[in-house]
């Protein structure tokens, strides 16, 4: 029933902090930042054994902080990861933060739809950014996009319409971002 995500969301600030909380991963990240690209180079620069470096690099790749080139067997840092996480955090919580909206996101997905109107509006505005203005979407496409954000995509779609962020045609078959 639920449409599986069609694209991966970048990690959140919370995800990145969790990922880099482990010493070996921080050391591997630093080695990559200093120009190491292979497991052996990362191990040498980070002062890690090669198996530990390989595990740390795999975790960084899984966490979308680094990319692995299977053909060359090299790793590189993904430059936009931190910028995208901070941009998403600012959109959710505002520059001052502390409004509670950020607590509704985990690993780039919604955990639930807030009940408090102010927080709900901020959270739904982040989701609404997934829809391009001026583009008409089929109900199936809206369901797929909403399913990327929340398992209960029906409630999310309804909330977007109820909040005036999406407009449904009279027949209920197409949607547009307002």
C-alpha atoms as a PDB file:
ATOM      1  CA  UNK A   1       0.000   0.000   0.000  1.00  0.00           C
ATOM      2  CA  UNK A   2       2.733   2.457   0.933  1.00  0.00           C
ATOM      3  CA  UNK A   3       4.826   3.699  -1.946  1.00  0.00           C
ATOM      4  CA  UNK A   4       8.524   3.191  -1.159  1.00  0.00           C
ATOM      5  CA  UNK A   5      10.791   6.235  -1.357  1.00  0.00           C
ATOM      6  CA  UNK A   6      11.987   6.964  -4.872  1.00  0.00           C
ATOM      7  CA  UNK A   7      14.975   9.029  -3.774  1.00  0.00           C
ATOM      8  CA  UNK A   8      17.142   9.263  -0.703  1.00  0.00           C
ATOM      9  CA  UNK A   9      17.008  12.274   1.512  1.00  0.00           C
ATOM     10  CA  UNK A  10      20.269  13.817   2.741  1.00  0.00           C
ATOM     11  CA  UNK A  11      21.137  13.125   6.373  1.00  0.00           C
ATOM     12  CA  UNK A  12      19.900  15.565   8.995  1.00  0.00           C
ATOM     13  CA  UNK A  13      22.180  17.520  11.319  1.00  0.00           C
ATOM     14  CA  UNK A  14      21.282  15.023  14.052  1.00  0.00           C
ATOM     15  CA  UNK A  15      22.257  12.125  11.756  1.00  0.00           C
ATOM     16  CA  UNK A  16      25.607  13.746  10.984  1.00  0.00           C
ATOM     17  CA  UNK A  17      26.408  14.327  14.638  1.00  0.00           C
ATOM     18  CA  UNK A  18      25.561  10.705  15.387  1.00  0.00           C
ATOM     19  CA  UNK A  19      27.664   9.496  12.485  1.00  0.00           C
ATOM     20  CA  UNK A  20      30.713  11.498  13.571  1.00  0.00           C
ATOM     21  CA  UNK A  21      30.337  10.716  17.275  1.00  0.00           C
ATOM     22  CA  UNK A  22      32.593   7.683  16.826  1.00  0.00           C
ATOM     23  CA  UNK A  23      36.339   8.360  16.940  1.00  0.00           C
ATOM     24  CA  UNK A  24      37.363   6.140  14.006  1.00  0.00           C
ATOM     25  CA  UNK A  25      34.797   7.799  11.745  1.00  0.00           C
ATOM     26  CA  UNK A  26      36.008  11.288  12.674  1.00  0.00           C
ATOM     27  CA  UNK A  27      39.580  10.212  11.987  1.00  0.00           C
ATOM     28  CA  UNK A  28      38.600   8.721   8.621  1.00  0.00           C
ATOM     29  CA  UNK A  29      36.655  11.886   7.748  1.00  0.00           C
ATOM     30  CA  UNK A  30      39.706  14.015   8.610  1.00  0.00           C
ATOM     31  CA  UNK A  31      41.963  11.808   6.484  1.00  0.00           C
ATOM     32  CA  UNK A  32      39.598  12.178   3.524  1.00  0.00           C
ATOM     33  CA  UNK A  33      39.528  15.939   4.063  1.00  0.00           C
ATOM     34  CA  UNK A  34      43.323  15.955   3.940  1.00  0.00           C
ATOM     35  CA  UNK A  35      43.374  14.147   0.590  1.00  0.00           C
ATOM     36  CA  UNK A  36      43.448  10.430   1.368  1.00  0.00           C
ATOM     37  CA  UNK A  37      41.289   8.407  -1.014  1.00  0.00           C
ATOM     38  CA  UNK A  38      41.977   4.710  -0.402  1.00  0.00           C
ATOM     39  CA  UNK A  39      41.496   2.536   2.668  1.00  0.00           C
ATOM     40  CA  UNK A  40      45.286   2.213   3.024  1.00  0.00           C
ATOM     41  CA  UNK A  41      45.826   5.986   2.811  1.00  0.00           C
ATOM     42  CA  UNK A  42      43.031   6.684   5.281  1.00  0.00           C
ATOM     43  CA  UNK A  43      44.401   4.060   7.680  1.00  0.00           C
ATOM     44  CA  UNK A  44      47.894   5.565   7.495  1.00  0.00           C
ATOM     45  CA  UNK A  45      46.805   9.202   7.901  1.00  0.00           C
ATOM     46  CA  UNK A  46      44.227   8.459  10.580  1.00  0.00           C
ATOM     47  CA  UNK A  47      46.422   6.078  12.553  1.00  0.00           C
ATOM     48  CA  UNK A  48      43.914   3.271  12.145  1.00  0.00           C
ATOM     49  CA  UNK A  49      44.290  -0.371  11.225  1.00  0.00           C
ATOM     50  CA  UNK A  50      43.052  -1.054   7.708  1.00  0.00           C
ATOM     51  CA  UNK A  51      39.987  -3.090   8.793  1.00  0.00           C
ATOM     52  CA  UNK A  52      38.913  -0.266  11.141  1.00  0.00           C
ATOM     53  CA  UNK A  53      39.486   2.310   8.391  1.00  0.00           C
ATOM     54  CA  UNK A  54      37.428   0.230   5.961  1.00  0.00           C
ATOM     55  CA  UNK A  55      34.524  -0.014   8.418  1.00  0.00           C
ATOM     56  CA  UNK A  56      34.672   3.714   9.174  1.00  0.00           C
ATOM     57  CA  UNK A  57      34.727   4.593   5.465  1.00  0.00           C
ATOM     58  CA  UNK A  58      31.781   2.297   4.777  1.00  0.00           C
ATOM     59  CA  UNK A  59      29.801   4.017   7.553  1.00  0.00           C
ATOM     60  CA  UNK A  60      30.661   7.432   6.095  1.00  0.00           C
ATOM     61  CA  UNK A  61      29.492   6.246   2.668  1.00  0.00           C
ATOM     62  CA  UNK A  62      26.301   4.737   4.124  1.00  0.00           C
ATOM     63  CA  UNK A  63      25.682   8.036   5.923  1.00  0.00           C
ATOM     64  CA  UNK A  64      26.120   9.980   2.659  1.00  0.00           C
ATOM     65  CA  UNK A  65      29.150  11.889   3.913  1.00  0.00           C
ATOM     66  CA  UNK A  66      31.503  10.129   1.500  1.00  0.00           C
ATOM     67  CA  UNK A  67      31.111   8.412  -1.849  1.00  0.00           C
ATOM     68  CA  UNK A  68      32.777   5.184  -2.897  1.00  0.00           C
ATOM     69  CA  UNK A  69      33.950   4.706  -6.488  1.00  0.00           C
ATOM     70  CA  UNK A  70      33.853   0.909  -6.928  1.00  0.00           C
ATOM     71  CA  UNK A  71      35.828   0.997 -10.157  1.00  0.00           C
ATOM     72  CA  UNK A  72      38.755   2.932  -8.676  1.00  0.00           C
ATOM     73  CA  UNK A  73      38.181   1.636  -5.114  1.00  0.00           C
ATOM     74  CA  UNK A  74      38.477   5.189  -3.787  1.00  0.00           C
ATOM     75  CA  UNK A  75      36.484   7.389  -1.443  1.00  0.00           C
ATOM     76  CA  UNK A  76      35.743  11.103  -1.707  1.00  0.00           C
ATOM     77  CA  UNK A  77      33.868  13.463   0.564  1.00  0.00           C
ATOM     78  CA  UNK A  78      30.457  14.670  -0.571  1.00  0.00           C
ATOM     79  CA  UNK A  79      30.837  18.426  -0.280  1.00  0.00           C
ATOM     80  CA  UNK A  80      27.128  19.280  -0.126  1.00  0.00           C
ATOM     81  CA  UNK A  81      26.133  16.952   2.731  1.00  0.00           C
ATOM     82  CA  UNK A  82      26.661  19.411   5.582  1.00  0.00           C
ATOM     83  CA  UNK A  83      25.334  22.399   3.641  1.00  0.00           C
ATOM     84  CA  UNK A  84      22.138  20.547   2.727  1.00  0.00           C
ATOM     85  CA  UNK A  85      21.653  19.370   6.310  1.00  0.00           C
ATOM     86  CA  UNK A  86      22.040  22.910   7.670  1.00  0.00           C
ATOM     87  CA  UNK A  87      19.692  24.328   5.029  1.00  0.00           C
ATOM     88  CA  UNK A  88      17.053  21.751   5.946  1.00  0.00           C
ATOM     89  CA  UNK A  89      17.539  22.491   9.645  1.00  0.00           C
ATOM     90  CA  UNK A  90      17.095  26.227   9.074  1.00  0.00           C
ATOM     91  CA  UNK A  91      13.938  25.612   7.019  1.00  0.00           C
ATOM     92  CA  UNK A  92      12.493  23.432   9.760  1.00  0.00           C
ATOM     93  CA  UNK A  93      13.516  25.283  12.883  1.00  0.00           C
ATOM     94  CA  UNK A  94      14.290  28.814  11.704  1.00  0.00           C
ATOM     95  CA  UNK A  95      17.539  30.563  12.428  1.00  0.00           C
ATOM     96  CA  UNK A  96      16.685  30.921  16.107  1.00  0.00           C
ATOM     97  CA  UNK A  97      15.563  27.293  16.365  1.00  0.00           C
ATOM     98  CA  UNK A  98      13.700  25.912  19.295  1.00  0.00           C
ATOM     99  CA  UNK A  99      10.189  25.937  17.824  1.00  0.00           C
ATOM    100  CA  UNK A 100       9.876  22.160  18.031  1.00  0.00           C
ATOM    101  CA  UNK A 101       9.533  21.507  14.286  1.00  0.00           C
ATOM    102  CA  UNK A 102      12.896  19.776  13.997  1.00  0.00           C
ATOM    103  CA  UNK A 103      11.808  17.034  16.379  1.00  0.00           C
ATOM    104  CA  UNK A 104       9.329  15.810  13.751  1.00  0.00           C
ATOM    105  CA  UNK A 105      12.095  14.806  11.322  1.00  0.00           C
ATOM    106  CA  UNK A 106      14.386  11.804  11.593  1.00  0.00           C
ATOM    107  CA  UNK A 107      16.762  10.667   8.854  1.00  0.00           C
ATOM    108  CA  UNK A 108      15.168  13.064   6.397  1.00  0.00           C
ATOM    109  CA  UNK A 109      11.640  11.749   6.972  1.00  0.00           C
ATOM    110  CA  UNK A 110       8.688  12.835   9.056  1.00  0.00           C
ATOM    111  CA  UNK A 111       7.943  10.900  12.211  1.00  0.00           C
ATOM    112  CA  UNK A 112       4.395  12.306  12.441  1.00  0.00           C
ATOM    113  CA  UNK A 113       2.311  15.340  11.495  1.00  0.00           C
ATOM    114  CA  UNK A 114       2.344  17.965  14.277  1.00  0.00           C
ATOM    115  CA  UNK A 115      -0.923  18.920  15.900  1.00  0.00           C
ATOM    116  CA  UNK A 116       0.135  22.430  16.943  1.00  0.00           C
ATOM    117  CA  UNK A 117      -0.816  24.745  14.058  1.00  0.00           C
ATOM    118  CA  UNK A 118       2.372  26.859  13.988  1.00  0.00           C
ATOM    119  CA  UNK A 119       4.716  23.877  14.045  1.00  0.00           C
ATOM    120  CA  UNK A 120       2.478  21.973  11.633  1.00  0.00           C
ATOM    121  CA  UNK A 121       2.673  24.823   9.112  1.00  0.00           C
ATOM    122  CA  UNK A 122       6.474  24.941   9.262  1.00  0.00           C
ATOM    123  CA  UNK A 123       6.812  21.163   8.899  1.00  0.00           C
ATOM    124  CA  UNK A 124       4.326  20.970   6.026  1.00  0.00           C
ATOM    125  CA  UNK A 125       6.077  23.852   4.247  1.00  0.00           C
ATOM    126  CA  UNK A 126       9.249  21.735   4.161  1.00  0.00           C
ATOM    127  CA  UNK A 127       7.294  18.876   2.587  1.00  0.00           C
ATOM    128  CA  UNK A 128       5.580  21.256   0.137  1.00  0.00           C
ATOM    129  CA  UNK A 129       9.041  22.199  -1.196  1.00  0.00           C
ATOM    130  CA  UNK A 130       9.043  18.730  -2.799  1.00  0.00           C
ATOM    131  CA  UNK A 131       6.454  19.981  -5.298  1.00  0.00           C
ATOM    132  CA  UNK A 132       7.375  22.391  -8.085  1.00  0.00           C
ATOM    133  CA  UNK A 133       5.133  25.449  -8.513  1.00  0.00           C
ATOM    134  CA  UNK A 134       3.166  25.377 -11.754  1.00  0.00           C
ATOM    135  CA  UNK A 135       3.477  21.622 -12.222  1.00  0.00           C
ATOM    136  CA  UNK A 136       0.366  19.434 -12.245  1.00  0.00           C
ATOM    137  CA  UNK A 137       0.792  16.156 -10.361  1.00  0.00           C
ATOM    138  CA  UNK A 138      -1.318  13.018 -10.623  1.00  0.00           C
ATOM    139  CA  UNK A 139      -2.672  11.602  -7.391  1.00  0.00           C
ATOM    140  CA  UNK A 140      -0.298   8.658  -7.755  1.00  0.00           C
ATOM    141  CA  UNK A 141       2.717  10.990  -8.008  1.00  0.00           C
ATOM    142  CA  UNK A 142       1.557  13.024  -4.982  1.00  0.00           C
ATOM    143  CA  UNK A 143       1.163   9.766  -3.057  1.00  0.00           C
ATOM    144  CA  UNK A 144       4.679   8.695  -4.052  1.00  0.00           C
ATOM    145  CA  UNK A 145       6.200  12.011  -2.974  1.00  0.00           C
ATOM    146  CA  UNK A 146       4.268  12.025   0.307  1.00  0.00           C
ATOM    147  CA  UNK A 147       5.328   8.397   0.844  1.00  0.00           C
ATOM    148  CA  UNK A 148       8.956   9.522   0.727  1.00  0.00           C
ATOM    149  CA  UNK A 149       8.244  11.707   3.747  1.00  0.00           C
ATOM    150  CA  UNK A 150       5.837   9.654   5.861  1.00  0.00           C
ATOM    151  CA  UNK A 151       4.464   6.118   5.866  1.00  0.00           C
ATOM    152  CA  UNK A 152       0.947   7.546   6.343  1.00  0.00           C
ATOM    153  CA  UNK A 153       1.066   9.348   2.993  1.00  0.00           C
ATOM    154  CA  UNK A 154      -2.729   9.676   2.839  1.00  0.00           C
ATOM    155  CA  UNK A 155      -2.817  11.824   6.001  1.00  0.00           C
ATOM    156  CA  UNK A 156       0.126  13.849   4.782  1.00  0.00           C
ATOM    157  CA  UNK A 157      -1.503  14.507   1.405  1.00  0.00           C
ATOM    158  CA  UNK A 158      -4.724  15.548   3.151  1.00  0.00           C
ATOM    159  CA  UNK A 159      -2.796  17.839   5.529  1.00  0.00           C
ATOM    160  CA  UNK A 160      -1.051  19.551   2.602  1.00  0.00           C
ATOM    161  CA  UNK A 161      -4.422  20.191   0.963  1.00  0.00           C
ATOM    162  CA  UNK A 162      -6.103  21.265   4.233  1.00  0.00           C
ATOM    163  CA  UNK A 163      -3.261  23.704   4.957  1.00  0.00           C
ATOM    164  CA  UNK A 164      -3.610  25.222   1.481  1.00  0.00           C
ATOM    165  CA  UNK A 165      -0.165  24.133   0.307  1.00  0.00           C
ATOM    166  CA  UNK A 166      -1.520  21.847  -2.415  1.00  0.00           C
ATOM    167  CA  UNK A 167      -4.673  22.428  -4.446  1.00  0.00           C
ATOM    168  CA  UNK A 168      -6.711  19.451  -5.662  1.00  0.00           C
ATOM    169  CA  UNK A 169      -8.812  19.710  -8.823  1.00  0.00           C
ATOM    170  CA  UNK A 170     -12.591  19.209  -8.610  1.00  0.00           C
ATOM    171  CA  UNK A 171     -12.384  15.577  -9.660  1.00  0.00           C
ATOM    172  CA  UNK A 172      -9.652  14.883  -7.094  1.00  0.00           C
ATOM    173  CA  UNK A 173      -7.334  13.447  -9.729  1.00  0.00           C
ATOM    174  CA  UNK A 174      -4.630  16.117  -9.997  1.00  0.00           C
ATOM    175  CA  UNK A 175      -2.817  18.443  -7.613  1.00  0.00           C
ATOM    176  CA  UNK A 176      -0.766  21.642  -7.862  1.00  0.00           C
ATOM    177  CA  UNK A 177       1.442  23.433  -5.385  1.00  0.00           C
ATOM    178  CA  UNK A 178      -0.135  26.690  -4.264  1.00  0.00           C
END
